[in-house]
Amino acid sequence: PATGAGTLAVGLAETLAGLVLGYAVDRQAALSLDFCGSYCDMNSLLFQLSGADRLPMLGAWIQFLKEMYGISCGVHGGKTDACEPGFQAGMQKAASAMFPLLCGASGIGTIGQVEGCLTFSPLQLTLDAEMVRYLRRMLAGFEITPETLALEQIRKVGPEGNFISEPHTAASFRKEFWLSGLTECLSWDVYRSRPVRGMERLAEEKARDILTRPLEPVLDEHQLAEIDRITAHAEKTILAKS
């Protein structure tokens, strides 16, 4: 249906039908509710992952599951319908990630794709990773404690003073501030003097650097052994049941 309410109704019915089928096969199955509804683009008739009209639908889905079933869920956010990195991709990815998170989503799914998740881009992945760091810092907020209130520092500095040279600043800014190697806050003269400038160019340089480094193992030997043990146990249990 070309309405949010109708699309949600169809999506819920389809999802519940899948749950019924799954539990009919195995009552102990681990299943969950998921929904990836949207509208088609009226120019191309392609499925939209990041249209502005889809975002309220995602928020409604999150709220509905919480109020009706008492569960939380993630969404297919952080997406773009653009075919390459650029302003459209940045706008759509930021909005489709931030809005669901503010509505209570537990996650936003995978990142690094363009063209409606059909194409993977190392450059876009680098940009998306920075966006995720940005969102995490935004959602983290800040603490209010005697230390963070810094009343002694405020009295010490006094009117017309500054906090830049204070030890409290040196001890606090790495925990409080979002430090980025890709976004820029420069004067025009300094900006023009840089050999590489602009977030996309900086991200491209970073992506190329990462891709040229030797691959380092993500897990140590003990973690790999534990995964093998769990997998072997699961396979033995599943085969025994079948």
C-alpha atoms as a PDB file:
ATOM      1  CA  PRO A   1       0.000   0.000   0.000  1.00  0.00           C
ATOM      2  CA  ALA A   2       1.075   3.597  -0.666  1.00  0.00           C
ATOM      3  CA  THR A   3       0.573   4.470   3.018  1.00  0.00           C
ATOM      4  CA  GLY A   4       2.748   3.927   6.060  1.00  0.00           C
ATOM      5  CA  ALA A   5      -0.018   2.329   8.116  1.00  0.00           C
ATOM      6  CA  GLY A   6      -0.900  -0.130   5.368  1.00  0.00           C
ATOM      7  CA  THR A   7       2.720  -1.048   4.748  1.00  0.00           C
ATOM      8  CA  LEU A   8       3.277  -1.685   8.463  1.00  0.00           C
ATOM      9  CA  ALA A   9       0.175  -3.875   8.594  1.00  0.00           C
ATOM     10  CA  VAL A  10       1.361  -5.985   5.659  1.00  0.00           C
ATOM     11  CA  GLY A  11       4.883  -6.226   7.077  1.00  0.00           C
ATOM     12  CA  LEU A  12       3.655  -7.359  10.482  1.00  0.00           C
ATOM     13  CA  ALA A  13       1.321  -9.964   8.958  1.00  0.00           C
ATOM     14  CA  GLU A  14       4.126 -11.385   6.817  1.00  0.00           C
ATOM     15  CA  THR A  15       6.511 -11.473   9.766  1.00  0.00           C
ATOM     16  CA  LEU A  16       4.042 -13.148  12.104  1.00  0.00           C
ATOM     17  CA  ALA A  17       3.273 -15.723   9.405  1.00  0.00           C
ATOM     18  CA  GLY A  18       6.983 -16.536   9.255  1.00  0.00           C
ATOM     19  CA  LEU A  19       7.114 -16.943  13.039  1.00  0.00           C
ATOM     20  CA  VAL A  20       4.145 -19.319  12.998  1.00  0.00           C
ATOM     21  CA  LEU A  21       5.778 -21.408  10.279  1.00  0.00           C
ATOM     22  CA  GLY A  22       9.109 -21.477  12.101  1.00  0.00           C
ATOM     23  CA  TYR A  23       7.654 -22.545  15.427  1.00  0.00           C
ATOM     24  CA  ALA A  24       5.509 -25.136  13.652  1.00  0.00           C
ATOM     25  CA  VAL A  25       8.733 -26.751  12.466  1.00  0.00           C
ATOM     26  CA  ASP A  26      10.632 -26.364  15.759  1.00  0.00           C
ATOM     27  CA  ARG A  27       9.127 -24.979  18.964  1.00  0.00           C
ATOM     28  CA  GLN A  28      12.644 -24.302  20.302  1.00  0.00           C
ATOM     29  CA  ALA A  29      13.717 -22.278  17.280  1.00  0.00           C
ATOM     30  CA  ALA A  30      15.378 -18.901  17.889  1.00  0.00           C
ATOM     31  CA  LEU A  31      13.277 -16.446  15.873  1.00  0.00           C
ATOM     32  CA  SER A  32      12.689 -12.719  15.920  1.00  0.00           C
ATOM     33  CA  LEU A  33      10.547 -10.045  14.295  1.00  0.00           C
ATOM     34  CA  ASP A  34      12.036  -8.051  11.437  1.00  0.00           C
ATOM     35  CA  PHE A  35      10.654  -5.511   9.005  1.00  0.00           C
ATOM     36  CA  CYS A  36      12.235  -3.850   5.989  1.00  0.00           C
ATOM     37  CA  GLY A  37       9.260  -2.111   4.475  1.00  0.00           C
ATOM     38  CA  SER A  38       9.406   0.989   2.318  1.00  0.00           C
ATOM     39  CA  TYR A  39       7.828   2.664  -0.683  1.00  0.00           C
ATOM     40  CA  CYS A  40       9.024   2.491  -4.262  1.00  0.00           C
ATOM     41  CA  ASP A  41      10.524   5.535  -5.921  1.00  0.00           C
ATOM     42  CA  MET A  42       7.806   6.917  -8.196  1.00  0.00           C
ATOM     43  CA  ASN A  43      10.360   7.910 -10.856  1.00  0.00           C
ATOM     44  CA  SER A  44      12.196   4.584 -11.150  1.00  0.00           C
ATOM     45  CA  LEU A  45       9.857   2.173  -9.267  1.00  0.00           C
ATOM     46  CA  LEU A  46      12.920   0.974  -7.315  1.00  0.00           C
ATOM     47  CA  PHE A  47      12.775   0.074  -3.628  1.00  0.00           C
ATOM     48  CA  GLN A  48      13.867   3.020  -1.454  1.00  0.00           C
ATOM     49  CA  LEU A  49      16.012   2.367   1.606  1.00  0.00           C
ATOM     50  CA  SER A  50      16.479   5.977   2.652  1.00  0.00           C
ATOM     51  CA  GLY A  51      13.539   8.072   1.526  1.00  0.00           C
ATOM     52  CA  ALA A  52      12.383  10.699   4.024  1.00  0.00           C
ATOM     53  CA  ASP A  53       8.920   9.097   4.020  1.00  0.00           C
ATOM     54  CA  ARG A  54      10.394   5.755   5.150  1.00  0.00           C
ATOM     55  CA  LEU A  55      11.947   7.070   8.356  1.00  0.00           C
ATOM     56  CA  PRO A  56       8.675   7.674  10.268  1.00  0.00           C
ATOM     57  CA  MET A  57       7.711   4.117   9.286  1.00  0.00           C
ATOM     58  CA  LEU A  58      10.879   2.767  10.913  1.00  0.00           C
ATOM     59  CA  GLY A  59      10.209   4.806  14.041  1.00  0.00           C
ATOM     60  CA  ALA A  60       6.631   3.526  14.186  1.00  0.00           C
ATOM     61  CA  TRP A  61       7.843  -0.075  13.836  1.00  0.00           C
ATOM     62  CA  ILE A  62      10.270   0.351  16.738  1.00  0.00           C
ATOM     63  CA  GLN A  63       7.590   1.939  18.932  1.00  0.00           C
ATOM     64  CA  PHE A  64       4.998  -0.695  17.967  1.00  0.00           C
ATOM     65  CA  LEU A  65       7.237  -3.643  18.848  1.00  0.00           C
ATOM     66  CA  LYS A  66       8.164  -2.077  22.171  1.00  0.00           C
ATOM     67  CA  GLU A  67       4.598  -1.221  23.201  1.00  0.00           C
ATOM     68  CA  MET A  68       2.803  -4.235  21.715  1.00  0.00           C
ATOM     69  CA  TYR A  69       5.323  -7.029  22.259  1.00  0.00           C
ATOM     70  CA  GLY A  70       7.780  -5.580  24.774  1.00  0.00           C
ATOM     71  CA  ILE A  71      10.835  -6.150  22.590  1.00  0.00           C
ATOM     72  CA  SER A  72      13.481  -3.927  21.048  1.00  0.00           C
ATOM     73  CA  CYS A  73      14.811  -4.235  17.537  1.00  0.00           C
ATOM     74  CA  GLY A  74      17.283  -2.830  15.070  1.00  0.00           C
ATOM     75  CA  VAL A  75      16.454  -1.401  11.661  1.00  0.00           C
ATOM     76  CA  HIS A  76      17.942  -1.265   8.189  1.00  0.00           C
ATOM     77  CA  GLY A  77      19.300   2.237   8.699  1.00  0.00           C
ATOM     78  CA  GLY A  78      22.474   4.021   7.670  1.00  0.00           C
ATOM     79  CA  LYS A  79      21.557   3.405   4.038  1.00  0.00           C
ATOM     80  CA  THR A  80      21.513   5.414   0.832  1.00  0.00           C
ATOM     81  CA  ASP A  81      19.909   5.110  -2.570  1.00  0.00           C
ATOM     82  CA  ALA A  82      22.770   7.093  -4.162  1.00  0.00           C
ATOM     83  CA  CYS A  83      25.106   5.185  -6.481  1.00  0.00           C
ATOM     84  CA  GLU A  84      28.293   6.770  -5.134  1.00  0.00           C
ATOM     85  CA  PRO A  85      29.551   8.690  -2.097  1.00  0.00           C
ATOM     86  CA  GLY A  86      28.557  12.320  -2.018  1.00  0.00           C
ATOM     87  CA  PHE A  87      26.135  14.768  -0.452  1.00  0.00           C
ATOM     88  CA  GLN A  88      23.042  12.626  -1.111  1.00  0.00           C
ATOM     89  CA  ALA A  89      24.684   9.573   0.436  1.00  0.00           C
ATOM     90  CA  GLY A  90      25.804  11.535   3.499  1.00  0.00           C
ATOM     91  CA  MET A  91      22.410  13.138   4.035  1.00  0.00           C
ATOM     92  CA  GLN A  92      20.481   9.888   3.663  1.00  0.00           C
ATOM     93  CA  LYS A  93      22.854   7.773   5.720  1.00  0.00           C
ATOM     94  CA  ALA A  94      22.957  10.239   8.608  1.00  0.00           C
ATOM     95  CA  ALA A  95      19.175  10.691   8.679  1.00  0.00           C
ATOM     96  CA  SER A  96      18.326   6.987   8.295  1.00  0.00           C
ATOM     97  CA  ALA A  97      20.753   6.143  11.100  1.00  0.00           C
ATOM     98  CA  MET A  98      20.029   8.976  13.538  1.00  0.00           C
ATOM     99  CA  PHE A  99      16.232   9.007  13.403  1.00  0.00           C
ATOM    100  CA  PRO A 100      15.728   5.296  14.251  1.00  0.00           C
ATOM    101  CA  LEU A 101      18.329   5.470  17.022  1.00  0.00           C
ATOM    102  CA  LEU A 102      16.537   8.428  18.581  1.00  0.00           C
ATOM    103  CA  CYS A 103      13.314   6.398  18.348  1.00  0.00           C
ATOM    104  CA  GLY A 104      14.942   3.591  20.355  1.00  0.00           C
ATOM    105  CA  ALA A 105      16.400   1.235  17.739  1.00  0.00           C
ATOM    106  CA  SER A 106      18.999  -1.155  19.141  1.00  0.00           C
ATOM    107  CA  GLY A 107      21.141  -0.898  15.982  1.00  0.00           C
ATOM    108  CA  ILE A 108      21.181   0.280  12.369  1.00  0.00           C
ATOM    109  CA  GLY A 109      22.483  -2.733  10.453  1.00  0.00           C
ATOM    110  CA  THR A 110      25.404  -2.817   8.059  1.00  0.00           C
ATOM    111  CA  ILE A 111      27.302   0.132   6.598  1.00  0.00           C
ATOM    112  CA  GLY A 112      29.582   0.771   3.630  1.00  0.00           C
ATOM    113  CA  GLN A 113      27.028   0.228   0.870  1.00  0.00           C
ATOM    114  CA  VAL A 114      25.674   2.509  -1.822  1.00  0.00           C
ATOM    115  CA  GLU A 115      23.021   1.955  -4.523  1.00  0.00           C
ATOM    116  CA  GLY A 116      20.456   0.672  -2.055  1.00  0.00           C
ATOM    117  CA  CYS A 117      22.858  -1.886  -0.508  1.00  0.00           C
ATOM    118  CA  LEU A 118      23.718  -3.424  -3.898  1.00  0.00           C
ATOM    119  CA  THR A 119      27.259  -2.002  -4.130  1.00  0.00           C
ATOM    120  CA  PHE A 120      30.021  -1.985  -1.489  1.00  0.00           C
ATOM    121  CA  SER A 121      32.430   0.953  -1.354  1.00  0.00           C
ATOM    122  CA  PRO A 122      35.608   1.058   0.782  1.00  0.00           C
ATOM    123  CA  LEU A 123      35.437   4.855   0.610  1.00  0.00           C
ATOM    124  CA  GLN A 124      31.837   4.873   1.810  1.00  0.00           C
ATOM    125  CA  LEU A 125      32.706   2.411   4.581  1.00  0.00           C
ATOM    126  CA  THR A 126      35.396   4.804   5.832  1.00  0.00           C
ATOM    127  CA  LEU A 127      32.932   7.695   5.795  1.00  0.00           C
ATOM    128  CA  ASP A 128      30.223   5.594   7.441  1.00  0.00           C
ATOM    129  CA  ALA A 129      32.571   4.480  10.211  1.00  0.00           C
ATOM    130  CA  GLU A 130      33.190   8.138  11.026  1.00  0.00           C
ATOM    131  CA  MET A 131      29.447   8.781  11.001  1.00  0.00           C
ATOM    132  CA  VAL A 132      28.932   5.920  13.472  1.00  0.00           C
ATOM    133  CA  ARG A 133      31.594   7.348  15.771  1.00  0.00           C
ATOM    134  CA  TYR A 134      29.827  10.704  15.553  1.00  0.00           C
ATOM    135  CA  LEU A 135      26.454   9.176  16.440  1.00  0.00           C
ATOM    136  CA  ARG A 136      27.891   7.148  19.317  1.00  0.00           C
ATOM    137  CA  ARG A 137      29.390  10.274  20.831  1.00  0.00           C
ATOM    138  CA  MET A 138      26.159  12.186  20.364  1.00  0.00           C
ATOM    139  CA  LEU A 139      24.095   9.463  22.060  1.00  0.00           C
ATOM    140  CA  ALA A 140      26.611   9.058  24.904  1.00  0.00           C
ATOM    141  CA  GLY A 141      25.763  12.482  26.327  1.00  0.00           C
ATOM    142  CA  PHE A 142      27.888  13.646  29.258  1.00  0.00           C
ATOM    143  CA  GLU A 143      28.213  13.010  32.968  1.00  0.00           C
ATOM    144  CA  ILE A 144      27.413  15.493  35.720  1.00  0.00           C
ATOM    145  CA  THR A 145      29.752  14.930  38.653  1.00  0.00           C
ATOM    146  CA  PRO A 146      31.782  17.202  40.954  1.00  0.00           C
ATOM    147  CA  GLU A 147      34.746  16.566  38.653  1.00  0.00           C
ATOM    148  CA  THR A 148      32.933  17.428  35.437  1.00  0.00           C
ATOM    149  CA  LEU A 149      31.199  20.470  36.952  1.00  0.00           C
ATOM    150  CA  ALA A 150      34.722  21.828  37.456  1.00  0.00           C
ATOM    151  CA  LEU A 151      33.629  24.525  39.910  1.00  0.00           C
ATOM    152  CA  GLU A 152      37.135  24.910  41.335  1.00  0.00           C
ATOM    153  CA  GLN A 153      38.513  25.390  37.830  1.00  0.00           C
ATOM    154  CA  ILE A 154      35.839  27.977  37.046  1.00  0.00           C
ATOM    155  CA  ARG A 155      36.675  29.936  40.204  1.00  0.00           C
ATOM    156  CA  LYS A 156      40.398  29.641  39.472  1.00  0.00           C
ATOM    157  CA  VAL A 157      40.158  30.902  35.905  1.00  0.00           C
ATOM    158  CA  GLY A 158      37.710  33.679  36.757  1.00  0.00           C
ATOM    159  CA  PRO A 159      36.316  36.365  34.467  1.00  0.00           C
ATOM    160  CA  GLU A 160      38.226  37.032  31.212  1.00  0.00           C
ATOM    161  CA  GLY A 161      40.412  33.955  31.760  1.00  0.00           C
ATOM    162  CA  ASN A 162      40.561  30.816  29.618  1.00  0.00           C
ATOM    163  CA  PHE A 163      40.716  27.087  30.264  1.00  0.00           C
ATOM    164  CA  ILE A 164      43.045  26.042  27.445  1.00  0.00           C
ATOM    165  CA  SER A 165      46.227  25.838  29.539  1.00  0.00           C
ATOM    166  CA  GLU A 166      44.580  24.252  32.586  1.00  0.00           C
ATOM    167  CA  PRO A 167      45.572  20.657  33.593  1.00  0.00           C
ATOM    168  CA  HIS A 168      41.850  19.917  33.976  1.00  0.00           C
ATOM    169  CA  THR A 169      41.393  20.583  30.258  1.00  0.00           C
ATOM    170  CA  ALA A 170      44.283  18.305  29.315  1.00  0.00           C
ATOM    171  CA  ALA A 171      42.854  15.542  31.497  1.00  0.00           C
ATOM    172  CA  SER A 172      39.278  15.932  30.260  1.00  0.00           C
ATOM    173  CA  PHE A 173      39.125  16.803  26.565  1.00  0.00           C
ATOM    174  CA  ARG A 174      39.940  13.330  25.187  1.00  0.00           C
ATOM    175  CA  LYS A 175      37.042  11.894  27.183  1.00  0.00           C
ATOM    176  CA  GLU A 176      34.607  14.736  26.489  1.00  0.00           C
ATOM    177  CA  PHE A 177      35.403  15.809  22.943  1.00  0.00           C
ATOM    178  CA  TRP A 178      34.781  13.943  19.686  1.00  0.00           C
ATOM    179  CA  LEU A 179      38.160  13.901  17.940  1.00  0.00           C
ATOM    180  CA  SER A 180      38.067  13.193  14.214  1.00  0.00           C
ATOM    181  CA  GLY A 181      40.746  12.798  11.596  1.00  0.00           C
ATOM    182  CA  LEU A 182      38.284  13.334   8.749  1.00  0.00           C
ATOM    183  CA  THR A 183      36.088  16.307   9.634  1.00  0.00           C
ATOM    184  CA  GLU A 184      37.701  19.750   9.516  1.00  0.00           C
ATOM    185  CA  CYS A 185      37.389  22.889  11.607  1.00  0.00           C
ATOM    186  CA  LEU A 186      39.956  25.233  10.042  1.00  0.00           C
ATOM    187  CA  SER A 187      40.379  28.804   8.936  1.00  0.00           C
ATOM    188  CA  TRP A 188      40.227  29.325   5.167  1.00  0.00           C
ATOM    189  CA  ASP A 189      43.983  30.042   4.962  1.00  0.00           C
ATOM    190  CA  VAL A 190      44.928  26.867   6.822  1.00  0.00           C
ATOM    191  CA  TYR A 191      42.411  24.853   4.804  1.00  0.00           C
ATOM    192  CA  ARG A 192      43.896  26.012   1.484  1.00  0.00           C
ATOM    193  CA  SER A 193      47.439  25.187   2.641  1.00  0.00           C
ATOM    194  CA  ARG A 194      46.629  21.502   3.207  1.00  0.00           C
ATOM    195  CA  PRO A 195      47.707  19.105   0.418  1.00  0.00           C
ATOM    196  CA  VAL A 196      44.677  16.877   1.079  1.00  0.00           C
ATOM    197  CA  ARG A 197      41.451  18.549   2.174  1.00  0.00           C
ATOM    198  CA  GLY A 198      37.760  17.804   2.238  1.00  0.00           C
ATOM    199  CA  MET A 199      36.186  14.881   4.041  1.00  0.00           C
ATOM    200  CA  GLU A 200      35.837  12.656   0.970  1.00  0.00           C
ATOM    201  CA  ARG A 201      39.486  13.141  -0.058  1.00  0.00           C
ATOM    202  CA  LEU A 202      40.701  12.519   3.483  1.00  0.00           C
ATOM    203  CA  ALA A 203      38.546   9.393   3.716  1.00  0.00           C
ATOM    204  CA  GLU A 204      39.888   8.168   0.374  1.00  0.00           C
ATOM    205  CA  GLU A 205      43.459   8.566   1.635  1.00  0.00           C
ATOM    206  CA  LYS A 206      42.569   6.700   4.833  1.00  0.00           C
ATOM    207  CA  ALA A 207      40.830   3.887   2.933  1.00  0.00           C
ATOM    208  CA  ARG A 208      43.819   3.434   0.612  1.00  0.00           C
ATOM    209  CA  ASP A 209      46.163   3.338   3.597  1.00  0.00           C
ATOM    210  CA  ILE A 210      44.055   0.698   5.368  1.00  0.00           C
ATOM    211  CA  LEU A 211      43.833  -1.457   2.232  1.00  0.00           C
ATOM    212  CA  THR A 212      47.623  -1.447   1.765  1.00  0.00           C
ATOM    213  CA  ARG A 213      48.386  -2.591   5.325  1.00  0.00           C
ATOM    214  CA  PRO A 214      49.025  -6.282   6.061  1.00  0.00           C
ATOM    215  CA  LEU A 215      45.965  -7.975   7.480  1.00  0.00           C
ATOM    216  CA  GLU A 216      46.126  -8.466  11.240  1.00  0.00           C
ATOM    217  CA  PRO A 217      44.169 -11.250  12.934  1.00  0.00           C
ATOM    218  CA  VAL A 218      41.049  -9.932  14.648  1.00  0.00           C
ATOM    219  CA  LEU A 219      40.787 -12.867  17.073  1.00  0.00           C
ATOM    220  CA  ASP A 220      43.535 -14.574  19.068  1.00  0.00           C
ATOM    221  CA  GLU A 221      44.139 -18.346  19.132  1.00  0.00           C
ATOM    222  CA  HIS A 222      42.087 -18.887  22.287  1.00  0.00           C
ATOM    223  CA  GLN A 223      39.076 -17.092  20.813  1.00  0.00           C
ATOM    224  CA  LEU A 224      39.315 -19.106  17.589  1.00  0.00           C
ATOM    225  CA  ALA A 225      39.550 -22.328  19.568  1.00  0.00           C
ATOM    226  CA  GLU A 226      36.465 -21.384  21.577  1.00  0.00           C
ATOM    227  CA  ILE A 227      34.503 -20.648  18.397  1.00  0.00           C
ATOM    228  CA  ASP A 228      35.539 -24.039  16.984  1.00  0.00           C
ATOM    229  CA  ARG A 229      34.414 -25.719  20.219  1.00  0.00           C
ATOM    230  CA  ILE A 230      31.015 -24.020  20.182  1.00  0.00           C
ATOM    231  CA  THR A 231      30.519 -24.786  16.487  1.00  0.00           C
ATOM    232  CA  ALA A 232      31.452 -28.443  16.939  1.00  0.00           C
ATOM    233  CA  HIS A 233      29.061 -28.760  19.883  1.00  0.00           C
ATOM    234  CA  ALA A 234      26.233 -27.122  17.904  1.00  0.00           C
ATOM    235  CA  GLU A 235      26.802 -29.348  14.882  1.00  0.00           C
ATOM    236  CA  LYS A 236      26.817 -32.453  17.063  1.00  0.00           C
ATOM    237  CA  THR A 237      23.609 -31.385  18.793  1.00  0.00           C
ATOM    238  CA  ILE A 238      21.815 -30.500  15.545  1.00  0.00           C
ATOM    239  CA  LEU A 239      22.903 -33.715  13.814  1.00  0.00           C
ATOM    240  CA  ALA A 240      21.811 -35.748  16.819  1.00  0.00           C
ATOM    241  CA  LYS A 241      18.326 -34.228  16.619  1.00  0.00           C
ATOM    242  CA  SER A 242      18.030 -34.821  12.884  1.00  0.00           C
END
